[in-house]
N, C-alpha and C. Protein backbone atom coordinates (compact mmCIF):
# COMPACT_ATOMS: atom_id res chain seq x y z
N MET A 1 -6.84 -14.72 -4.52
CA MET A 1 -5.56 -14.10 -4.19
C MET A 1 -5.60 -13.59 -2.76
N ASN A 2 -4.53 -13.86 -2.02
CA ASN A 2 -4.46 -13.33 -0.67
C ASN A 2 -3.32 -12.32 -0.56
N ILE A 3 -3.26 -11.65 0.57
CA ILE A 3 -2.27 -10.59 0.77
C ILE A 3 -0.86 -11.14 0.64
N GLY A 4 -0.64 -12.36 1.08
CA GLY A 4 0.68 -12.97 0.97
C GLY A 4 1.14 -13.12 -0.46
N ASP A 5 0.20 -13.27 -1.40
CA ASP A 5 0.56 -13.34 -2.82
C ASP A 5 1.01 -11.99 -3.35
N LEU A 6 0.56 -10.91 -2.73
CA LEU A 6 0.85 -9.55 -3.19
C LEU A 6 2.12 -8.97 -2.58
N LEU A 7 2.38 -9.31 -1.33
CA LEU A 7 3.36 -8.58 -0.53
C LEU A 7 4.52 -9.46 -0.08
N ASP A 8 5.70 -9.16 -0.59
CA ASP A 8 6.93 -9.82 -0.15
C ASP A 8 7.49 -9.06 1.05
N ARG A 9 8.16 -9.76 1.94
CA ARG A 9 8.79 -9.08 3.09
C ARG A 9 9.76 -8.00 2.64
N SER A 10 10.41 -8.20 1.50
CA SER A 10 11.38 -7.22 1.00
C SER A 10 10.71 -5.93 0.53
N ALA A 11 9.39 -5.93 0.41
CA ALA A 11 8.64 -4.75 -0.03
C ALA A 11 7.93 -4.08 1.14
N ILE A 12 8.45 -4.29 2.34
CA ILE A 12 7.91 -3.67 3.55
C ILE A 12 8.99 -2.77 4.15
N ALA A 13 8.63 -1.53 4.44
CA ALA A 13 9.59 -0.60 5.04
C ALA A 13 8.95 0.09 6.24
N LEU A 14 9.67 0.09 7.35
CA LEU A 14 9.22 0.74 8.58
C LEU A 14 10.15 1.89 8.91
N ARG A 15 9.70 2.77 9.79
CA ARG A 15 10.52 3.90 10.23
C ARG A 15 10.97 4.75 9.05
N VAL A 16 10.07 4.98 8.13
CA VAL A 16 10.36 5.76 6.93
C VAL A 16 10.10 7.24 7.20
N SER A 17 11.04 8.08 6.80
CA SER A 17 10.87 9.53 6.93
C SER A 17 10.42 10.11 5.60
N ALA A 18 9.38 10.91 5.66
CA ALA A 18 8.89 11.63 4.48
C ALA A 18 8.28 12.93 4.99
N ALA A 19 8.59 14.02 4.32
CA ALA A 19 8.09 15.33 4.75
C ALA A 19 6.71 15.62 4.19
N ASN A 20 6.34 14.90 3.10
CA ASN A 20 5.06 15.19 2.46
C ASN A 20 4.61 13.99 1.62
N LYS A 21 3.45 14.13 1.02
CA LYS A 21 2.86 13.06 0.22
C LYS A 21 3.78 12.64 -0.92
N ARG A 22 4.35 13.60 -1.63
CA ARG A 22 5.22 13.29 -2.77
C ARG A 22 6.43 12.46 -2.33
N GLN A 23 7.03 12.82 -1.19
CA GLN A 23 8.18 12.05 -0.70
C GLN A 23 7.76 10.63 -0.28
N ALA A 24 6.58 10.50 0.31
CA ALA A 24 6.09 9.17 0.68
C ALA A 24 5.90 8.31 -0.57
N LEU A 25 5.33 8.90 -1.62
CA LEU A 25 5.15 8.17 -2.88
C LEU A 25 6.50 7.84 -3.52
N ALA A 26 7.48 8.72 -3.36
CA ALA A 26 8.81 8.46 -3.90
C ALA A 26 9.47 7.27 -3.20
N VAL A 27 9.29 7.16 -1.89
CA VAL A 27 9.83 6.02 -1.15
C VAL A 27 9.19 4.73 -1.65
N ILE A 28 7.87 4.75 -1.80
CA ILE A 28 7.16 3.58 -2.32
C ILE A 28 7.70 3.22 -3.70
N SER A 29 7.92 4.21 -4.54
CA SER A 29 8.43 3.98 -5.90
C SER A 29 9.81 3.34 -5.88
N GLU A 30 10.67 3.80 -4.99
CA GLU A 30 12.02 3.23 -4.86
C GLU A 30 11.95 1.76 -4.44
N ILE A 31 11.08 1.47 -3.49
CA ILE A 31 10.93 0.08 -3.03
C ILE A 31 10.40 -0.79 -4.16
N ALA A 32 9.38 -0.30 -4.87
CA ALA A 32 8.81 -1.05 -5.99
C ALA A 32 9.85 -1.28 -7.08
N ALA A 33 10.64 -0.26 -7.38
CA ALA A 33 11.67 -0.39 -8.41
C ALA A 33 12.68 -1.47 -8.02
N ARG A 34 13.14 -1.42 -6.79
CA ARG A 34 14.13 -2.38 -6.30
C ARG A 34 13.55 -3.80 -6.22
N SER A 35 12.35 -3.92 -5.70
CA SER A 35 11.75 -5.23 -5.45
C SER A 35 11.21 -5.91 -6.70
N PHE A 36 10.71 -5.10 -7.65
CA PHE A 36 10.03 -5.68 -8.81
C PHE A 36 10.75 -5.45 -10.12
N GLY A 37 11.93 -4.84 -10.07
CA GLY A 37 12.70 -4.60 -11.28
C GLY A 37 12.07 -3.58 -12.21
N LEU A 38 11.50 -2.53 -11.65
CA LEU A 38 10.83 -1.50 -12.44
C LEU A 38 11.65 -0.21 -12.42
N ASP A 39 11.28 0.74 -13.24
CA ASP A 39 11.89 2.05 -13.25
C ASP A 39 11.20 2.91 -12.19
N GLY A 40 11.96 3.38 -11.20
CA GLY A 40 11.39 4.15 -10.10
C GLY A 40 10.69 5.41 -10.55
N GLY A 41 11.23 6.11 -11.54
CA GLY A 41 10.60 7.32 -12.06
C GLY A 41 9.26 7.04 -12.69
N GLU A 42 9.16 5.94 -13.43
CA GLU A 42 7.88 5.56 -14.04
C GLU A 42 6.85 5.19 -12.98
N VAL A 43 7.29 4.50 -11.94
CA VAL A 43 6.38 4.14 -10.85
C VAL A 43 5.86 5.40 -10.17
N LEU A 44 6.77 6.32 -9.84
CA LEU A 44 6.37 7.57 -9.19
C LEU A 44 5.41 8.36 -10.08
N ASP A 45 5.70 8.44 -11.37
CA ASP A 45 4.81 9.16 -12.29
C ASP A 45 3.42 8.54 -12.30
N ALA A 46 3.35 7.21 -12.31
CA ALA A 46 2.05 6.52 -12.34
C ALA A 46 1.28 6.77 -11.04
N LEU A 47 1.97 6.71 -9.92
CA LEU A 47 1.30 6.97 -8.64
C LEU A 47 0.82 8.42 -8.56
N ALA A 48 1.67 9.35 -8.97
CA ALA A 48 1.31 10.78 -8.92
C ALA A 48 0.14 11.07 -9.85
N GLU A 49 0.14 10.45 -11.01
CA GLU A 49 -0.97 10.65 -11.95
C GLU A 49 -2.27 10.15 -11.35
N ARG A 50 -2.23 9.00 -10.68
CA ARG A 50 -3.44 8.46 -10.04
C ARG A 50 -3.92 9.40 -8.93
N GLU A 51 -3.00 9.99 -8.19
CA GLU A 51 -3.38 10.91 -7.11
C GLU A 51 -4.06 12.17 -7.64
N THR A 52 -3.74 12.59 -8.86
CA THR A 52 -4.39 13.78 -9.42
C THR A 52 -5.86 13.51 -9.69
N ALA A 53 -6.23 12.25 -9.88
CA ALA A 53 -7.64 11.90 -10.10
C ALA A 53 -8.42 11.91 -8.79
N GLY A 54 -7.73 11.90 -7.67
CA GLY A 54 -8.36 11.88 -6.35
C GLY A 54 -7.45 11.18 -5.38
N SER A 55 -7.41 11.68 -4.17
CA SER A 55 -6.51 11.12 -3.18
C SER A 55 -6.88 9.68 -2.86
N THR A 56 -5.84 8.88 -2.63
CA THR A 56 -6.03 7.49 -2.22
C THR A 56 -5.98 7.36 -0.70
N GLY A 57 -6.02 8.49 0.01
CA GLY A 57 -6.09 8.48 1.47
C GLY A 57 -7.50 8.08 1.88
N VAL A 58 -7.63 6.89 2.47
CA VAL A 58 -8.95 6.33 2.75
C VAL A 58 -9.46 6.62 4.15
N GLY A 59 -8.65 7.30 4.97
CA GLY A 59 -9.09 7.65 6.31
C GLY A 59 -8.36 6.87 7.38
N HIS A 60 -8.43 7.37 8.61
CA HIS A 60 -7.83 6.72 9.79
C HIS A 60 -6.31 6.58 9.66
N GLY A 61 -5.67 7.49 8.93
CA GLY A 61 -4.22 7.44 8.79
C GLY A 61 -3.72 6.46 7.75
N VAL A 62 -4.61 6.03 6.85
CA VAL A 62 -4.28 5.01 5.86
C VAL A 62 -4.44 5.56 4.45
N ALA A 63 -3.50 5.17 3.58
CA ALA A 63 -3.63 5.44 2.15
C ALA A 63 -3.36 4.15 1.38
N VAL A 64 -4.04 4.01 0.25
CA VAL A 64 -3.85 2.84 -0.61
C VAL A 64 -3.55 3.35 -2.03
N PRO A 65 -2.36 3.92 -2.21
CA PRO A 65 -2.00 4.38 -3.56
C PRO A 65 -1.90 3.18 -4.50
N HIS A 66 -2.22 3.39 -5.75
CA HIS A 66 -2.18 2.27 -6.69
C HIS A 66 -1.97 2.77 -8.11
N ALA A 67 -1.47 1.86 -8.94
CA ALA A 67 -1.20 2.20 -10.34
C ALA A 67 -1.10 0.92 -11.15
N ARG A 68 -1.36 1.07 -12.44
CA ARG A 68 -1.14 -0.01 -13.40
C ARG A 68 0.18 0.29 -14.09
N LEU A 69 1.02 -0.75 -14.22
CA LEU A 69 2.37 -0.54 -14.73
C LEU A 69 2.76 -1.55 -15.80
N GLU A 70 3.47 -1.06 -16.81
CA GLU A 70 4.10 -1.95 -17.78
C GLU A 70 5.21 -2.71 -17.07
N GLY A 71 5.43 -3.94 -17.48
CA GLY A 71 6.55 -4.70 -16.94
C GLY A 71 6.22 -5.58 -15.75
N LEU A 72 4.99 -5.49 -15.24
CA LEU A 72 4.59 -6.37 -14.14
C LEU A 72 3.88 -7.60 -14.70
N GLU A 73 4.19 -8.74 -14.13
CA GLU A 73 3.55 -9.99 -14.55
C GLU A 73 2.29 -10.28 -13.73
N ARG A 74 2.26 -9.73 -12.51
CA ARG A 74 1.14 -10.01 -11.60
C ARG A 74 0.98 -8.84 -10.63
N MET A 75 -0.08 -8.88 -9.84
CA MET A 75 -0.31 -7.87 -8.82
C MET A 75 0.81 -7.93 -7.79
N ARG A 76 1.26 -6.76 -7.34
CA ARG A 76 2.30 -6.67 -6.32
C ARG A 76 1.94 -5.57 -5.34
N GLY A 77 2.51 -5.63 -4.13
CA GLY A 77 2.24 -4.62 -3.12
C GLY A 77 3.50 -4.15 -2.42
N VAL A 78 3.41 -2.94 -1.87
CA VAL A 78 4.46 -2.35 -1.05
C VAL A 78 3.78 -1.78 0.19
N PHE A 79 4.33 -2.06 1.36
CA PHE A 79 3.79 -1.50 2.59
C PHE A 79 4.84 -0.60 3.22
N VAL A 80 4.42 0.62 3.60
CA VAL A 80 5.32 1.58 4.24
C VAL A 80 4.63 2.13 5.48
N ARG A 81 5.40 2.19 6.58
CA ARG A 81 4.93 2.87 7.79
C ARG A 81 5.84 4.07 8.03
N LEU A 82 5.23 5.24 8.02
CA LEU A 82 5.99 6.47 8.20
C LEU A 82 6.24 6.74 9.68
N GLU A 83 7.40 7.34 9.98
CA GLU A 83 7.71 7.73 11.36
C GLU A 83 6.76 8.82 11.83
N GLN A 84 6.48 9.78 10.96
CA GLN A 84 5.55 10.87 11.26
C GLN A 84 4.51 10.94 10.15
N PRO A 85 3.23 11.02 10.49
CA PRO A 85 2.19 11.12 9.46
C PRO A 85 2.37 12.36 8.60
N VAL A 86 1.94 12.25 7.34
CA VAL A 86 2.00 13.37 6.40
C VAL A 86 0.60 13.69 5.89
N THR A 87 0.41 14.94 5.52
CA THR A 87 -0.85 15.35 4.90
C THR A 87 -0.99 14.61 3.58
N PHE A 88 -2.16 14.03 3.35
CA PHE A 88 -2.36 13.20 2.17
C PHE A 88 -3.67 13.51 1.47
N ASP A 89 -4.36 14.57 1.88
CA ASP A 89 -5.67 14.90 1.31
C ASP A 89 -6.64 13.73 1.46
N ALA A 90 -6.57 13.07 2.61
CA ALA A 90 -7.42 11.90 2.86
C ALA A 90 -8.88 12.33 3.02
N VAL A 91 -9.78 11.37 2.85
CA VAL A 91 -11.21 11.67 2.92
C VAL A 91 -11.63 12.24 4.26
N ASP A 92 -10.90 11.89 5.34
CA ASP A 92 -11.24 12.41 6.67
C ASP A 92 -10.31 13.56 7.09
N ASP A 93 -9.49 14.04 6.17
CA ASP A 93 -8.54 15.14 6.41
C ASP A 93 -7.49 14.81 7.47
N GLN A 94 -7.34 13.55 7.84
CA GLN A 94 -6.33 13.14 8.80
C GLN A 94 -5.03 12.80 8.06
N PRO A 95 -3.87 13.09 8.68
CA PRO A 95 -2.61 12.72 8.04
C PRO A 95 -2.45 11.20 8.00
N VAL A 96 -1.58 10.74 7.11
CA VAL A 96 -1.41 9.32 6.83
C VAL A 96 -0.05 8.83 7.31
N ASP A 97 -0.04 7.65 7.95
CA ASP A 97 1.23 7.03 8.33
C ASP A 97 1.33 5.58 7.86
N LEU A 98 0.23 4.98 7.43
CA LEU A 98 0.24 3.61 6.92
C LEU A 98 -0.14 3.64 5.45
N LEU A 99 0.76 3.14 4.60
CA LEU A 99 0.51 3.14 3.16
C LEU A 99 0.69 1.73 2.61
N PHE A 100 -0.32 1.23 1.95
CA PHE A 100 -0.23 -0.06 1.28
C PHE A 100 -0.47 0.22 -0.20
N ALA A 101 0.61 0.23 -0.97
CA ALA A 101 0.53 0.53 -2.40
C ALA A 101 0.32 -0.76 -3.17
N LEU A 102 -0.56 -0.69 -4.15
CA LEU A 102 -0.83 -1.83 -5.02
C LEU A 102 -0.45 -1.49 -6.45
N PHE A 103 0.18 -2.45 -7.10
CA PHE A 103 0.59 -2.28 -8.49
C PHE A 103 0.06 -3.44 -9.31
N ALA A 104 -0.57 -3.12 -10.42
CA ALA A 104 -1.17 -4.13 -11.28
C ALA A 104 -0.54 -4.05 -12.66
N PRO A 105 -0.51 -5.18 -13.38
CA PRO A 105 -0.10 -5.12 -14.78
C PRO A 105 -1.02 -4.18 -15.56
N LYS A 106 -0.52 -3.59 -16.61
CA LYS A 106 -1.28 -2.64 -17.41
C LYS A 106 -2.64 -3.20 -17.83
N ASP A 107 -2.68 -4.49 -18.16
CA ASP A 107 -3.90 -5.10 -18.68
C ASP A 107 -4.72 -5.83 -17.62
N ALA A 108 -4.44 -5.57 -16.34
CA ALA A 108 -5.18 -6.25 -15.27
C ALA A 108 -6.65 -5.83 -15.30
N GLY A 109 -7.51 -6.77 -15.03
CA GLY A 109 -8.94 -6.48 -15.03
C GLY A 109 -9.47 -6.35 -13.61
N ALA A 110 -10.49 -7.09 -13.33
CA ALA A 110 -11.19 -7.00 -12.05
C ALA A 110 -10.32 -7.44 -10.87
N GLU A 111 -9.29 -8.21 -11.14
CA GLU A 111 -8.39 -8.67 -10.07
C GLU A 111 -7.81 -7.46 -9.31
N HIS A 112 -7.48 -6.42 -10.04
CA HIS A 112 -6.94 -5.18 -9.45
C HIS A 112 -7.96 -4.58 -8.48
N LEU A 113 -9.20 -4.52 -8.89
CA LEU A 113 -10.25 -3.94 -8.04
C LEU A 113 -10.52 -4.80 -6.82
N ARG A 114 -10.49 -6.12 -7.00
CA ARG A 114 -10.69 -7.02 -5.85
C ARG A 114 -9.57 -6.86 -4.83
N ALA A 115 -8.34 -6.72 -5.30
CA ALA A 115 -7.22 -6.54 -4.38
C ALA A 115 -7.35 -5.21 -3.64
N LEU A 116 -7.73 -4.15 -4.33
CA LEU A 116 -7.94 -2.85 -3.68
C LEU A 116 -9.02 -2.97 -2.61
N ALA A 117 -10.10 -3.64 -2.93
CA ALA A 117 -11.19 -3.78 -1.97
C ALA A 117 -10.74 -4.58 -0.75
N ARG A 118 -9.98 -5.64 -0.97
CA ARG A 118 -9.52 -6.48 0.16
C ARG A 118 -8.60 -5.69 1.08
N VAL A 119 -7.63 -4.97 0.50
CA VAL A 119 -6.70 -4.20 1.32
C VAL A 119 -7.45 -3.09 2.07
N SER A 120 -8.37 -2.44 1.39
CA SER A 120 -9.14 -1.36 2.04
C SER A 120 -9.97 -1.91 3.20
N ARG A 121 -10.63 -3.05 3.00
CA ARG A 121 -11.41 -3.66 4.09
C ARG A 121 -10.52 -4.01 5.27
N LEU A 122 -9.36 -4.57 4.99
CA LEU A 122 -8.44 -4.97 6.05
C LEU A 122 -7.99 -3.76 6.86
N LEU A 123 -7.62 -2.68 6.18
CA LEU A 123 -7.07 -1.52 6.87
C LEU A 123 -8.14 -0.62 7.48
N ARG A 124 -9.40 -0.93 7.24
CA ARG A 124 -10.48 -0.21 7.94
C ARG A 124 -10.65 -0.70 9.37
N GLN A 125 -10.07 -1.84 9.68
CA GLN A 125 -10.20 -2.43 11.01
C GLN A 125 -9.23 -1.75 11.98
N GLY A 126 -9.79 -1.08 12.97
CA GLY A 126 -8.98 -0.34 13.94
C GLY A 126 -7.93 -1.19 14.63
N GLU A 127 -8.28 -2.40 15.00
CA GLU A 127 -7.32 -3.28 15.68
C GLU A 127 -6.14 -3.61 14.77
N VAL A 128 -6.40 -3.85 13.50
CA VAL A 128 -5.33 -4.16 12.55
C VAL A 128 -4.41 -2.95 12.41
N ARG A 129 -4.99 -1.76 12.26
CA ARG A 129 -4.17 -0.55 12.14
C ARG A 129 -3.28 -0.37 13.36
N GLU A 130 -3.82 -0.57 14.54
CA GLU A 130 -3.04 -0.40 15.76
C GLU A 130 -1.90 -1.41 15.83
N ARG A 131 -2.19 -2.66 15.48
CA ARG A 131 -1.14 -3.68 15.49
C ARG A 131 -0.05 -3.36 14.47
N LEU A 132 -0.43 -2.83 13.32
CA LEU A 132 0.56 -2.44 12.31
C LEU A 132 1.44 -1.30 12.82
N ARG A 133 0.84 -0.39 13.56
CA ARG A 133 1.60 0.75 14.10
C ARG A 133 2.55 0.31 15.22
N GLN A 134 2.23 -0.77 15.90
CA GLN A 134 3.06 -1.24 17.02
C GLN A 134 4.08 -2.30 16.61
N ALA A 135 3.91 -2.90 15.44
CA ALA A 135 4.78 -3.99 15.00
C ALA A 135 6.23 -3.53 14.92
N ARG A 136 7.15 -4.42 15.29
CA ARG A 136 8.56 -4.05 15.39
C ARG A 136 9.39 -4.38 14.15
N GLY A 137 8.88 -5.14 13.24
CA GLY A 137 9.69 -5.50 12.08
C GLY A 137 8.86 -5.93 10.89
N ALA A 138 9.54 -6.11 9.76
CA ALA A 138 8.85 -6.49 8.53
C ALA A 138 8.15 -7.84 8.65
N ASP A 139 8.78 -8.78 9.37
CA ASP A 139 8.15 -10.09 9.54
C ASP A 139 6.83 -9.97 10.29
N ALA A 140 6.81 -9.13 11.33
CA ALA A 140 5.58 -8.93 12.10
C ALA A 140 4.51 -8.26 11.25
N ILE A 141 4.88 -7.26 10.49
CA ILE A 141 3.93 -6.58 9.59
C ILE A 141 3.36 -7.58 8.60
N HIS A 142 4.25 -8.36 7.99
CA HIS A 142 3.82 -9.35 7.00
C HIS A 142 2.83 -10.34 7.62
N ALA A 143 3.14 -10.82 8.79
CA ALA A 143 2.27 -11.78 9.47
C ALA A 143 0.89 -11.17 9.76
N ILE A 144 0.86 -9.95 10.23
CA ILE A 144 -0.42 -9.28 10.52
C ILE A 144 -1.24 -9.15 9.24
N LEU A 145 -0.63 -8.66 8.19
CA LEU A 145 -1.35 -8.44 6.94
C LEU A 145 -1.83 -9.74 6.31
N VAL A 146 -0.99 -10.77 6.35
CA VAL A 146 -1.38 -12.05 5.75
C VAL A 146 -2.46 -12.73 6.57
N GLN A 147 -2.26 -12.84 7.88
CA GLN A 147 -3.25 -13.53 8.73
C GLN A 147 -4.58 -12.80 8.73
N ASP A 148 -4.56 -11.50 8.96
CA ASP A 148 -5.80 -10.75 9.01
C ASP A 148 -6.42 -10.60 7.63
N GLY A 149 -5.57 -10.54 6.59
CA GLY A 149 -6.08 -10.46 5.23
C GLY A 149 -6.84 -11.71 4.84
N ASP A 150 -6.36 -12.87 5.29
CA ASP A 150 -7.08 -14.11 5.02
C ASP A 150 -8.42 -14.13 5.74
N THR A 151 -8.48 -13.57 6.94
CA THR A 151 -9.73 -13.50 7.69
C THR A 151 -10.73 -12.61 6.96
N VAL A 152 -10.25 -11.48 6.45
CA VAL A 152 -11.12 -10.57 5.70
C VAL A 152 -11.69 -11.26 4.49
N ARG A 153 -10.81 -11.97 3.76
CA ARG A 153 -11.26 -12.66 2.56
C ARG A 153 -12.34 -13.68 2.89
N THR A 154 -12.10 -14.47 3.94
CA THR A 154 -13.04 -15.52 4.31
C THR A 154 -14.37 -14.92 4.78
N SER A 155 -14.30 -13.87 5.59
CA SER A 155 -15.54 -13.30 6.14
C SER A 155 -16.30 -12.51 5.10
N ALA A 156 -15.61 -12.00 4.08
CA ALA A 156 -16.27 -11.20 3.05
C ALA A 156 -16.86 -12.07 1.94
N ALA A 157 -16.46 -13.32 1.90
CA ALA A 157 -16.91 -14.20 0.81
C ALA A 157 -18.34 -14.64 0.99
């Protein structure tokens, strides 16, 4: 599975305003609900529940929130770039402005963990993060994530 299989252009949002972590997760939930035909409240509840187990802020201004959801047929992703970083209880205590949310079917197995690992490896790359922060549109974001995601997959194999 590559990033292009997870992330549709319609599930990418830039210039998003959020005052805090909860609002950022709510925006992700709205996008997931609209893009994948899910209930936004259920998505938000699942993301919030996962955050209570430990923050998904992985450092360098990046978070990878994730949840398993009823009603999904396959792994899906949502990418959000915030206008202003928000406190996210990240491992490095830095605020977050890049969020790549992953959603898996309730019964997903190791595929969910592999996707999390791939996205995390990709977003650990400083050059990729900078290009994502400078990208002007959803098409550019999608291209960066797909092209660089394929490189990560190939080099990690």
